[in-house]
Amino acid sequence: MTNIVLNVIVLAVLGAVSWRVLRGMRGMPLVWTVVHLCVLTAVFDTIMIDVDLYVFDPDKILGWYVWGAPLEDFAYAIAAAVGMPVLWVVLGRRRPRQDAP
């Protein structure tokens, strides 16, 4: 399985599971978060790849790069930008347990 297939599956499951919460959120803060995380991913992944901190198996990636970072690497930034606010909302809905006196 290539990285892009795995990324598409994970993002699709994340989208399906969090759709109800995402509908209730404001869109622009979420979009700006995705944009900023993708820019940071492009900058720092390019640096880390250039100094050989990690190497991608060419058979597992598409070969499309955004300023030196493989396209597949941006799925993690998107998943974090979407998943963390959803978790924040879902976990914030929990009511604290009240112990009996």
PDB file of N, CA and C in Angstrom:
ATOM      1  N   MET A   1       0.852  -1.173   0.000  1.00  0.00           N
ATOM      2  CA  MET A   1       0.000   0.000   0.000  1.00  0.00           C
ATOM      3  C   MET A   1       0.897   1.235   0.000  1.00  0.00           C
ATOM      4  N   THR A   2       0.564   2.177  -0.874  1.00  0.00           N
ATOM      5  CA  THR A   2       1.350   3.403  -0.933  1.00  0.00           C
ATOM      6  C   THR A   2       0.863   4.393   0.129  1.00  0.00           C
ATOM      7  N   ASN A   3       1.694   5.366   0.397  1.00  0.00           N
ATOM      8  CA  ASN A   3       1.358   6.353   1.427  1.00  0.00           C
ATOM      9  C   ASN A   3       0.101   7.135   1.085  1.00  0.00           C
ATOM     10  N   ILE A   4      -0.101   7.460  -0.188  1.00  0.00           N
ATOM     11  CA  ILE A   4      -1.246   8.274  -0.561  1.00  0.00           C
ATOM     12  C   ILE A   4      -2.555   7.506  -0.336  1.00  0.00           C
ATOM     13  N   VAL A   5      -2.549   6.207  -0.575  1.00  0.00           N
ATOM     14  CA  VAL A   5      -3.750   5.399  -0.329  1.00  0.00           C
ATOM     15  C   VAL A   5      -4.068   5.383   1.159  1.00  0.00           C
ATOM     16  N   LEU A   6      -3.065   5.177   1.970  1.00  0.00           N
ATOM     17  CA  LEU A   6      -3.260   5.185   3.421  1.00  0.00           C
ATOM     18  C   LEU A   6      -3.749   6.558   3.891  1.00  0.00           C
ATOM     19  N   ASN A   7      -3.166   7.618   3.361  1.00  0.00           N
ATOM     20  CA  ASN A   7      -3.577   8.965   3.748  1.00  0.00           C
ATOM     21  C   ASN A   7      -5.019   9.253   3.366  1.00  0.00           C
ATOM     22  N   VAL A   8      -5.418   8.846   2.184  1.00  0.00           N
ATOM     23  CA  VAL A   8      -6.801   9.069   1.742  1.00  0.00           C
ATOM     24  C   VAL A   8      -7.768   8.301   2.632  1.00  0.00           C
ATOM     25  N   ILE A   9      -7.426   7.082   2.982  1.00  0.00           N
ATOM     26  CA  ILE A   9      -8.290   6.284   3.863  1.00  0.00           C
ATOM     27  C   ILE A   9      -8.423   6.956   5.229  1.00  0.00           C
ATOM     28  N   VAL A  10      -7.305   7.363   5.799  1.00  0.00           N
ATOM     29  CA  VAL A  10      -7.333   7.991   7.128  1.00  0.00           C
ATOM     30  C   VAL A  10      -8.121   9.299   7.089  1.00  0.00           C
ATOM     31  N   LEU A  11      -7.898  10.132   6.080  1.00  0.00           N
ATOM     32  CA  LEU A  11      -8.623  11.400   5.997  1.00  0.00           C
ATOM     33  C   LEU A  11     -10.114  11.180   5.748  1.00  0.00           C
ATOM     34  N   ALA A  12     -10.463  10.162   4.974  1.00  0.00           N
ATOM     35  CA  ALA A  12     -11.877   9.861   4.734  1.00  0.00           C
ATOM     36  C   ALA A  12     -12.562   9.394   6.010  1.00  0.00           C
ATOM     37  N   VAL A  13     -11.902   8.524   6.763  1.00  0.00           N
ATOM     38  CA  VAL A  13     -12.472   8.062   8.034  1.00  0.00           C
ATOM     39  C   VAL A  13     -12.584   9.225   9.018  1.00  0.00           C
ATOM     40  N   LEU A  14     -11.549  10.050   9.092  1.00  0.00           N
ATOM     41  CA  LEU A  14     -11.592  11.215   9.975  1.00  0.00           C
ATOM     42  C   LEU A  14     -12.734  12.146   9.596  1.00  0.00           C
ATOM     43  N   GLY A  15     -12.911  12.384   8.316  1.00  0.00           N
ATOM     44  CA  GLY A  15     -13.992  13.240   7.855  1.00  0.00           C
ATOM     45  C   GLY A  15     -15.361  12.653   8.164  1.00  0.00           C
ATOM     46  N   ALA A  16     -15.512  11.351   7.968  1.00  0.00           N
ATOM     47  CA  ALA A  16     -16.801  10.701   8.237  1.00  0.00           C
ATOM     48  C   ALA A  16     -17.126  10.705   9.729  1.00  0.00           C
ATOM     49  N   VAL A  17     -16.137  10.441  10.552  1.00  0.00           N
ATOM     50  CA  VAL A  17     -16.359  10.372  11.995  1.00  0.00           C
ATOM     51  C   VAL A  17     -16.619  11.758  12.584  1.00  0.00           C
ATOM     52  N   SER A  18     -15.975  12.769  12.060  1.00  0.00           N
ATOM     53  CA  SER A  18     -16.067  14.091  12.661  1.00  0.00           C
ATOM     54  C   SER A  18     -17.007  15.040  11.913  1.00  0.00           C
ATOM     55  N   TRP A  19     -17.725  14.559  10.925  1.00  0.00           N
ATOM     56  CA  TRP A  19     -18.559  15.417  10.095  1.00  0.00           C
ATOM     57  C   TRP A  19     -19.590  16.204  10.903  1.00  0.00           C
ATOM     58  N   ARG A  20     -20.251  15.562  11.838  1.00  0.00           N
ATOM     59  CA  ARG A  20     -21.294  16.235  12.617  1.00  0.00           C
ATOM     60  C   ARG A  20     -20.719  17.390  13.440  1.00  0.00           C
ATOM     61  N   VAL A  21     -19.547  17.194  13.983  1.00  0.00           N
ATOM     62  CA  VAL A  21     -18.916  18.262  14.770  1.00  0.00           C
ATOM     63  C   VAL A  21     -18.406  19.365  13.841  1.00  0.00           C
ATOM     64  N   LEU A  22     -17.826  18.982  12.716  1.00  0.00           N
ATOM     65  CA  LEU A  22     -17.280  19.970  11.783  1.00  0.00           C
ATOM     66  C   LEU A  22     -18.359  20.894  11.234  1.00  0.00           C
ATOM     67  N   ARG A  23     -19.556  20.383  11.028  1.00  0.00           N
ATOM     68  CA  ARG A  23     -20.645  21.206  10.506  1.00  0.00           C
ATOM     69  C   ARG A  23     -20.987  22.355  11.449  1.00  0.00           C
ATOM     70  N   GLY A  24     -20.812  22.146  12.728  1.00  0.00           N
ATOM     71  CA  GLY A  24     -21.126  23.174  13.708  1.00  0.00           C
ATOM     72  C   GLY A  24     -20.004  24.160  13.977  1.00  0.00           C
ATOM     73  N   MET A  25     -18.853  23.949  13.383  1.00  0.00           N
ATOM     74  CA  MET A  25     -17.707  24.824  13.614  1.00  0.00           C
ATOM     75  C   MET A  25     -17.644  25.904  12.534  1.00  0.00           C
ATOM     76  N   ARG A  26     -16.997  27.016  12.893  1.00  0.00           N
ATOM     77  CA  ARG A  26     -16.777  28.059  11.895  1.00  0.00           C
ATOM     78  C   ARG A  26     -15.696  27.592  10.935  1.00  0.00           C
ATOM     79  N   GLY A  27     -15.882  27.871   9.663  1.00  0.00           N
ATOM     80  CA  GLY A  27     -14.995  27.348   8.632  1.00  0.00           C
ATOM     81  C   GLY A  27     -13.661  28.046   8.489  1.00  0.00           C
ATOM     82  N   MET A  28     -13.656  29.367   8.548  1.00  0.00           N
ATOM     83  CA  MET A  28     -12.415  30.095   8.270  1.00  0.00           C
ATOM     84  C   MET A  28     -11.296  29.826   9.273  1.00  0.00           C
ATOM     85  N   PRO A  29     -11.561  29.763  10.582  1.00  0.00           N
ATOM     86  CA  PRO A  29     -10.458  29.420  11.485  1.00  0.00           C
ATOM     87  C   PRO A  29      -9.860  28.042  11.174  1.00  0.00           C
ATOM     88  N   LEU A  30     -10.709  27.116  10.793  1.00  0.00           N
ATOM     89  CA  LEU A  30     -10.233  25.775  10.446  1.00  0.00           C
ATOM     90  C   LEU A  30      -9.393  25.811   9.165  1.00  0.00           C
ATOM     91  N   VAL A  31      -9.854  26.564   8.184  1.00  0.00           N
ATOM     92  CA  VAL A  31      -9.109  26.683   6.920  1.00  0.00           C
ATOM     93  C   VAL A  31      -7.756  27.349   7.165  1.00  0.00           C
ATOM     94  N   TRP A  32      -7.734  28.419   7.966  1.00  0.00           N
ATOM     95  CA  TRP A  32      -6.473  29.094   8.255  1.00  0.00           C
ATOM     96  C   TRP A  32      -5.510  28.186   9.017  1.00  0.00           C
ATOM     97  N   THR A  33      -6.054  27.368   9.892  1.00  0.00           N
ATOM     98  CA  THR A  33      -5.204  26.420  10.614  1.00  0.00           C
ATOM     99  C   THR A  33      -4.578  25.421   9.650  1.00  0.00           C
ATOM    100  N   VAL A  34      -5.376  24.900   8.732  1.00  0.00           N
ATOM    101  CA  VAL A  34      -4.858  23.956   7.732  1.00  0.00           C
ATOM    102  C   VAL A  34      -3.784  24.619   6.884  1.00  0.00           C
ATOM    103  N   VAL A  35      -4.048  25.846   6.441  1.00  0.00           N
ATOM    104  CA  VAL A  35      -3.076  26.552   5.601  1.00  0.00           C
ATOM    105  C   VAL A  35      -1.761  26.762   6.349  1.00  0.00           C
ATOM    106  N   HIS A  36      -1.842  27.239   7.586  1.00  0.00           N
ATOM    107  CA  HIS A  36      -0.619  27.491   8.355  1.00  0.00           C
ATOM    108  C   HIS A  36       0.155  26.197   8.630  1.00  0.00           C
ATOM    109  N   LEU A  37      -0.537  25.144   8.980  1.00  0.00           N
ATOM    110  CA  LEU A  37       0.164  23.877   9.232  1.00  0.00           C
ATOM    111  C   LEU A  37       0.779  23.309   7.959  1.00  0.00           C
ATOM    112  N   CYS A  38       0.131  23.497   6.827  1.00  0.00           N
ATOM    113  CA  CYS A  38       0.705  23.019   5.573  1.00  0.00           C
ATOM    114  C   CYS A  38       1.939  23.829   5.185  1.00  0.00           C
ATOM    115  N   VAL A  39       1.911  25.138   5.438  1.00  0.00           N
ATOM    116  CA  VAL A  39       3.100  25.964   5.164  1.00  0.00           C
ATOM    117  C   VAL A  39       4.252  25.531   6.075  1.00  0.00           C
ATOM    118  N   LEU A  40       3.962  25.343   7.349  1.00  0.00           N
ATOM    119  CA  LEU A  40       5.007  24.875   8.269  1.00  0.00           C
ATOM    120  C   LEU A  40       5.523  23.496   7.872  1.00  0.00           C
ATOM    121  N   THR A  41       4.632  22.628   7.416  1.00  0.00           N
ATOM    122  CA  THR A  41       5.049  21.296   6.959  1.00  0.00           C
ATOM    123  C   THR A  41       5.969  21.413   5.758  1.00  0.00           C
ATOM    124  N   ALA A  42       5.615  22.279   4.804  1.00  0.00           N
ATOM    125  CA  ALA A  42       6.461  22.455   3.618  1.00  0.00           C
ATOM    126  C   ALA A  42       7.850  22.954   4.002  1.00  0.00           C
ATOM    127  N   VAL A  43       7.910  23.916   4.897  1.00  0.00           N
ATOM    128  CA  VAL A  43       9.210  24.488   5.280  1.00  0.00           C
ATOM    129  C   VAL A  43      10.053  23.470   6.042  1.00  0.00           C
ATOM    130  N   PHE A  44       9.490  22.930   7.124  1.00  0.00           N
ATOM    131  CA  PHE A  44      10.309  22.083   7.984  1.00  0.00           C
ATOM    132  C   PHE A  44      10.556  20.694   7.400  1.00  0.00           C
ATOM    133  N   ASP A  45       9.610  20.134   6.658  1.00  0.00           N
ATOM    134  CA  ASP A  45       9.883  18.851   6.005  1.00  0.00           C
ATOM    135  C   ASP A  45      10.964  18.991   4.955  1.00  0.00           C
ATOM    136  N   THR A  46      10.932  20.102   4.224  1.00  0.00           N
ATOM    137  CA  THR A  46      11.983  20.326   3.228  1.00  0.00           C
ATOM    138  C   THR A  46      13.351  20.399   3.895  1.00  0.00           C
ATOM    139  N   ILE A  47      13.427  21.097   4.997  1.00  0.00           N
ATOM    140  CA  ILE A  47      14.701  21.194   5.720  1.00  0.00           C
ATOM    141  C   ILE A  47      15.143  19.822   6.223  1.00  0.00           C
ATOM    142  N   MET A  48      14.221  19.090   6.845  1.00  0.00           N
ATOM    143  CA  MET A  48      14.586  17.778   7.398  1.00  0.00           C
ATOM    144  C   MET A  48      14.975  16.784   6.312  1.00  0.00           C
ATOM    145  N   ILE A  49      14.346  16.878   5.155  1.00  0.00           N
ATOM    146  CA  ILE A  49      14.714  15.986   4.048  1.00  0.00           C
ATOM    147  C   ILE A  49      16.068  16.392   3.485  1.00  0.00           C
ATOM    148  N   ASP A  50      16.316  17.705   3.373  1.00  0.00           N
ATOM    149  CA  ASP A  50      17.598  18.180   2.836  1.00  0.00           C
ATOM    150  C   ASP A  50      18.788  17.794   3.700  1.00  0.00           C
ATOM    151  N   VAL A  51      18.602  17.729   5.031  1.00  0.00           N
ATOM    152  CA  VAL A  51      19.716  17.355   5.904  1.00  0.00           C
ATOM    153  C   VAL A  51      19.706  15.853   6.216  1.00  0.00           C
ATOM    154  N   ASP A  52      18.914  15.117   5.481  1.00  0.00           N
ATOM    155  CA  ASP A  52      18.850  13.646   5.559  1.00  0.00           C
ATOM    156  C   ASP A  52      18.419  13.118   6.929  1.00  0.00           C
ATOM    157  N   LEU A  53      17.499  13.819   7.585  1.00  0.00           N
ATOM    158  CA  LEU A  53      16.944  13.271   8.825  1.00  0.00           C
ATOM    159  C   LEU A  53      16.039  12.074   8.527  1.00  0.00           C
ATOM    160  N   TYR A  54      15.359  12.148   7.409  1.00  0.00           N
ATOM    161  CA  TYR A  54      14.587  10.987   6.970  1.00  0.00           C
ATOM    162  C   TYR A  54      14.493  10.976   5.459  1.00  0.00           C
ATOM    163  N   VAL A  55      14.243   9.781   4.938  1.00  0.00           N
ATOM    164  CA  VAL A  55      14.188   9.559   3.501  1.00  0.00           C
ATOM    165  C   VAL A  55      12.915   8.790   3.194  1.00  0.00           C
ATOM    166  N   PHE A  56      12.268   9.129   2.105  1.00  0.00           N
ATOM    167  CA  PHE A  56      11.062   8.442   1.690  1.00  0.00           C
ATOM    168  C   PHE A  56      11.405   7.378   0.661  1.00  0.00           C
ATOM    169  N   ASP A  57      10.768   6.232   0.786  1.00  0.00           N
ATOM    170  CA  ASP A  57      10.920   5.161  -0.195  1.00  0.00           C
ATOM    171  C   ASP A  57      10.223   5.603  -1.481  1.00  0.00           C
ATOM    172  N   PRO A  58      10.949   5.724  -2.577  1.00  0.00           N
ATOM    173  CA  PRO A  58      10.341   6.215  -3.820  1.00  0.00           C
ATOM    174  C   PRO A  58       9.199   5.330  -4.326  1.00  0.00           C
ATOM    175  N   ASP A  59       9.192   4.068  -3.930  1.00  0.00           N
ATOM    176  CA  ASP A  59       8.117   3.177  -4.360  1.00  0.00           C
ATOM    177  C   ASP A  59       6.821   3.418  -3.584  1.00  0.00           C
ATOM    178  N   LYS A  60       6.904   4.112  -2.470  1.00  0.00           N
ATOM    179  CA  LYS A  60       5.730   4.330  -1.619  1.00  0.00           C
ATOM    180  C   LYS A  60       5.099   5.712  -1.790  1.00  0.00           C
ATOM    181  N   ILE A  61       5.749   6.606  -2.517  1.00  0.00           N
ATOM    182  CA  ILE A  61       5.201   7.957  -2.691  1.00  0.00           C
ATOM    183  C   ILE A  61       4.901   8.207  -4.168  1.00  0.00           C
ATOM    184  N   LEU A  62       4.064   9.229  -4.402  1.00  0.00           N
ATOM    185  CA  LEU A  62       3.690   9.575  -5.776  1.00  0.00           C
ATOM    186  C   LEU A  62       4.847  10.199  -6.544  1.00  0.00           C
ATOM    187  N   GLY A  63       5.699  10.923  -5.852  1.00  0.00           N
ATOM    188  CA  GLY A  63       6.784  11.618  -6.517  1.00  0.00           C
ATOM    189  C   GLY A  63       6.457  13.082  -6.779  1.00  0.00           C
ATOM    190  N   TRP A  64       5.319  13.559  -6.280  1.00  0.00           N
ATOM    191  CA  TRP A  64       4.956  14.966  -6.399  1.00  0.00           C
ATOM    192  C   TRP A  64       5.413  15.676  -5.137  1.00  0.00           C
ATOM    193  N   TYR A  65       6.088  16.782  -5.322  1.00  0.00           N
ATOM    194  CA  TYR A  65       6.660  17.499  -4.191  1.00  0.00           C
ATOM    195  C   TYR A  65       6.135  18.931  -4.131  1.00  0.00           C
ATOM    196  N   VAL A  66       5.972  19.429  -2.933  1.00  0.00           N
ATOM    197  CA  VAL A  66       5.648  20.830  -2.707  1.00  0.00           C
ATOM    198  C   VAL A  66       6.852  21.425  -1.999  1.00  0.00           C
ATOM    199  N   TRP A  67       7.643  22.148  -2.738  1.00  0.00           N
ATOM    200  CA  TRP A  67       8.864  22.784  -2.245  1.00  0.00           C
ATOM    201  C   TRP A  67       9.777  21.810  -1.507  1.00  0.00           C
ATOM    202  N   GLY A  68       9.898  20.600  -2.010  1.00  0.00           N
ATOM    203  CA  GLY A  68      10.811  19.618  -1.442  1.00  0.00           C
ATOM    204  C   GLY A  68      10.166  18.603  -0.524  1.00  0.00           C
ATOM    205  N   ALA A  69       8.920  18.822  -0.118  1.00  0.00           N
ATOM    206  CA  ALA A  69       8.211  17.884   0.760  1.00  0.00           C
ATOM    207  C   ALA A  69       7.229  17.071  -0.078  1.00  0.00           C
ATOM    208  N   PRO A  70       7.222  15.761   0.089  1.00  0.00           N
ATOM    209  CA  PRO A  70       6.289  14.937  -0.685  1.00  0.00           C
ATOM    210  C   PRO A  70       4.841  15.301  -0.373  1.00  0.00           C
ATOM    211  N   LEU A  71       4.007  15.208  -1.367  1.00  0.00           N
ATOM    212  CA  LEU A  71       2.589  15.546  -1.224  1.00  0.00           C
ATOM    213  C   LEU A  71       1.932  14.776  -0.086  1.00  0.00           C
ATOM    214  N   GLU A  72       2.342  13.537   0.097  1.00  0.00           N
ATOM    215  CA  GLU A  72       1.730  12.692   1.124  1.00  0.00           C
ATOM    216  C   GLU A  72       1.941  13.229   2.540  1.00  0.00           C
ATOM    217  N   ASP A  73       2.992  13.985   2.749  1.00  0.00           N
ATOM    218  CA  ASP A  73       3.295  14.493   4.090  1.00  0.00           C
ATOM    219  C   ASP A  73       2.280  15.521   4.580  1.00  0.00           C
ATOM    220  N   PHE A  74       1.559  16.129   3.673  1.00  0.00           N
ATOM    221  CA  PHE A  74       0.608  17.162   4.061  1.00  0.00           C
ATOM    222  C   PHE A  74      -0.675  16.583   4.654  1.00  0.00           C
ATOM    223  N   ALA A  75      -0.907  15.311   4.462  1.00  0.00           N
ATOM    224  CA  ALA A  75      -2.104  14.679   5.039  1.00  0.00           C
ATOM    225  C   ALA A  75      -2.047  14.699   6.555  1.00  0.00           C
ATOM    226  N   TYR A  76      -0.859  14.598   7.119  1.00  0.00           N
ATOM    227  CA  TYR A  76      -0.734  14.611   8.570  1.00  0.00           C
ATOM    228  C   TYR A  76      -1.075  15.991   9.124  1.00  0.00           C
ATOM    229  N   ALA A  77      -0.664  17.041   8.435  1.00  0.00           N
ATOM    230  CA  ALA A  77      -1.003  18.400   8.865  1.00  0.00           C
ATOM    231  C   ALA A  77      -2.503  18.635   8.770  1.00  0.00           C
ATOM    232  N   ILE A  78      -3.119  18.143   7.716  1.00  0.00           N
ATOM    233  CA  ILE A  78      -4.565  18.299   7.553  1.00  0.00           C
ATOM    234  C   ILE A  78      -5.305  17.513   8.626  1.00  0.00           C
ATOM    235  N   ALA A  79      -4.861  16.297   8.878  1.00  0.00           N
ATOM    236  CA  ALA A  79      -5.516  15.470   9.906  1.00  0.00           C
ATOM    237  C   ALA A  79      -5.391  16.120  11.284  1.00  0.00           C
ATOM    238  N   ALA A  80      -4.248  16.691  11.595  1.00  0.00           N
ATOM    239  CA  ALA A  80      -4.070  17.356  12.896  1.00  0.00           C
ATOM    240  C   ALA A  80      -4.922  18.614  12.987  1.00  0.00           C
ATOM    241  N   ALA A  81      -4.969  19.387  11.896  1.00  0.00           N
ATOM    242  CA  ALA A  81      -5.731  20.633  11.906  1.00  0.00           C
ATOM    243  C   ALA A  81      -7.230  20.389  12.017  1.00  0.00           C
ATOM    244  N   VAL A  82      -7.690  19.256  11.522  1.00  0.00           N
ATOM    245  CA  VAL A  82      -9.117  18.923  11.613  1.00  0.00           C
ATOM    246  C   VAL A  82      -9.407  18.120  12.876  1.00  0.00           C
ATOM    247  N   GLY A  83      -8.570  17.170  13.177  1.00  0.00           N
ATOM    248  CA  GLY A  83      -8.833  16.256  14.281  1.00  0.00           C
ATOM    249  C   GLY A  83      -8.740  16.889  15.658  1.00  0.00           C
ATOM    250  N   MET A  84      -7.787  17.765  15.873  1.00  0.00           N
ATOM    251  CA  MET A  84      -7.622  18.347  17.203  1.00  0.00           C
ATOM    252  C   MET A  84      -8.785  19.253  17.617  1.00  0.00           C
ATOM    253  N   PRO A  85      -9.257  20.152  16.756  1.00  0.00           N
ATOM    254  CA  PRO A  85     -10.428  20.944  17.164  1.00  0.00           C
ATOM    255  C   PRO A  85     -11.676  20.089  17.389  1.00  0.00           C
ATOM    256  N   VAL A  86     -11.828  19.036  16.601  1.00  0.00           N
ATOM    257  CA  VAL A  86     -12.974  18.141  16.792  1.00  0.00           C
ATOM    258  C   VAL A  86     -12.870  17.452  18.141  1.00  0.00           C
ATOM    259  N   LEU A  87     -11.681  16.957  18.472  1.00  0.00           N
ATOM    260  CA  LEU A  87     -11.497  16.341  19.786  1.00  0.00           C
ATOM    261  C   LEU A  87     -11.738  17.346  20.904  1.00  0.00           C
ATOM    262  N   TRP A  88     -11.292  18.564  20.722  1.00  0.00           N
ATOM    263  CA  TRP A  88     -11.481  19.613  21.723  1.00  0.00           C
ATOM    264  C   TRP A  88     -12.972  19.821  21.984  1.00  0.00           C
ATOM    265  N   VAL A  89     -13.756  19.875  20.910  1.00  0.00           N
ATOM    266  CA  VAL A  89     -15.202  20.083  21.056  1.00  0.00           C
ATOM    267  C   VAL A  89     -15.853  18.870  21.701  1.00  0.00           C
ATOM    268  N   VAL A  90     -15.509  17.686  21.226  1.00  0.00           N
ATOM    269  CA  VAL A  90     -16.138  16.465  21.745  1.00  0.00           C
ATOM    270  C   VAL A  90     -15.783  16.255  23.212  1.00  0.00           C
ATOM    271  N   LEU A  91     -14.523  16.403  23.562  1.00  0.00           N
ATOM    272  CA  LEU A  91     -14.128  16.198  24.948  1.00  0.00           C
ATOM    273  C   LEU A  91     -14.619  17.325  25.851  1.00  0.00           C
ATOM    274  N   GLY A  92     -14.830  18.492  25.285  1.00  0.00           N
ATOM    275  CA  GLY A  92     -15.356  19.602  26.066  1.00  0.00           C
ATOM    276  C   GLY A  92     -16.827  19.429  26.401  1.00  0.00           C
ATOM    277  N   ARG A  93     -17.517  18.600  25.649  1.00  0.00           N
ATOM    278  CA  ARG A  93     -18.928  18.346  25.911  1.00  0.00           C
ATOM    279  C   ARG A  93     -19.142  17.414  27.087  1.00  0.00           C
ATOM    280  N   ARG A  94     -18.114  16.694  27.448  1.00  0.00           N
ATOM    281  CA  ARG A  94     -18.249  15.775  28.582  1.00  0.00           C
ATOM    282  C   ARG A  94     -18.466  16.563  29.852  1.00  0.00           C
ATOM    283  N   ARG A  95     -19.315  16.056  30.656  1.00  0.00           N
ATOM    284  CA  ARG A  95     -19.543  16.701  31.953  1.00  0.00           C
ATOM    285  C   ARG A  95     -18.662  16.033  32.993  1.00  0.00           C
ATOM    286  N   PRO A  96     -18.099  16.821  33.880  1.00  0.00           N
ATOM    287  CA  PRO A  96     -17.262  16.227  34.908  1.00  0.00           C
ATOM    288  C   PRO A  96     -18.108  15.334  35.823  1.00  0.00           C
ATOM    289  N   ARG A  97     -17.501  14.248  36.220  1.00  0.00           N
ATOM    290  CA  ARG A  97     -18.209  13.328  37.139  1.00  0.00           C
ATOM    291  C   ARG A  97     -18.374  13.977  38.493  1.00  0.00           C
ATOM    292  N   GLN A  98     -19.543  13.823  39.024  1.00  0.00           N
ATOM    293  CA  GLN A  98     -19.790  14.385  40.349  1.00  0.00           C
ATOM    294  C   GLN A  98     -19.874  13.239  41.329  1.00  0.00           C
ATOM    295  N   ASP A  99     -18.960  13.264  42.274  1.00  0.00           N
ATOM    296  CA  ASP A  99     -18.933  12.202  43.281  1.00  0.00           C
ATOM    297  C   ASP A  99     -20.055  12.437  44.290  1.00  0.00           C
ATOM    298  N   ALA A 100     -20.600  11.329  44.734  1.00  0.00           N
ATOM    299  CA  ALA A 100     -21.665  11.420  45.747  1.00  0.00           C
ATOM    300  C   ALA A 100     -21.055  11.829  47.085  1.00  0.00           C
ATOM    301  N   PRO A 101     -21.771  12.660  47.873  1.00  0.00           N
ATOM    302  CA  PRO A 101     -21.200  13.089  49.156  1.00  0.00           C
ATOM    303  C   PRO A 101     -21.109  11.985  50.170  1.00  0.00           C
TER     304      PRO A 101
END
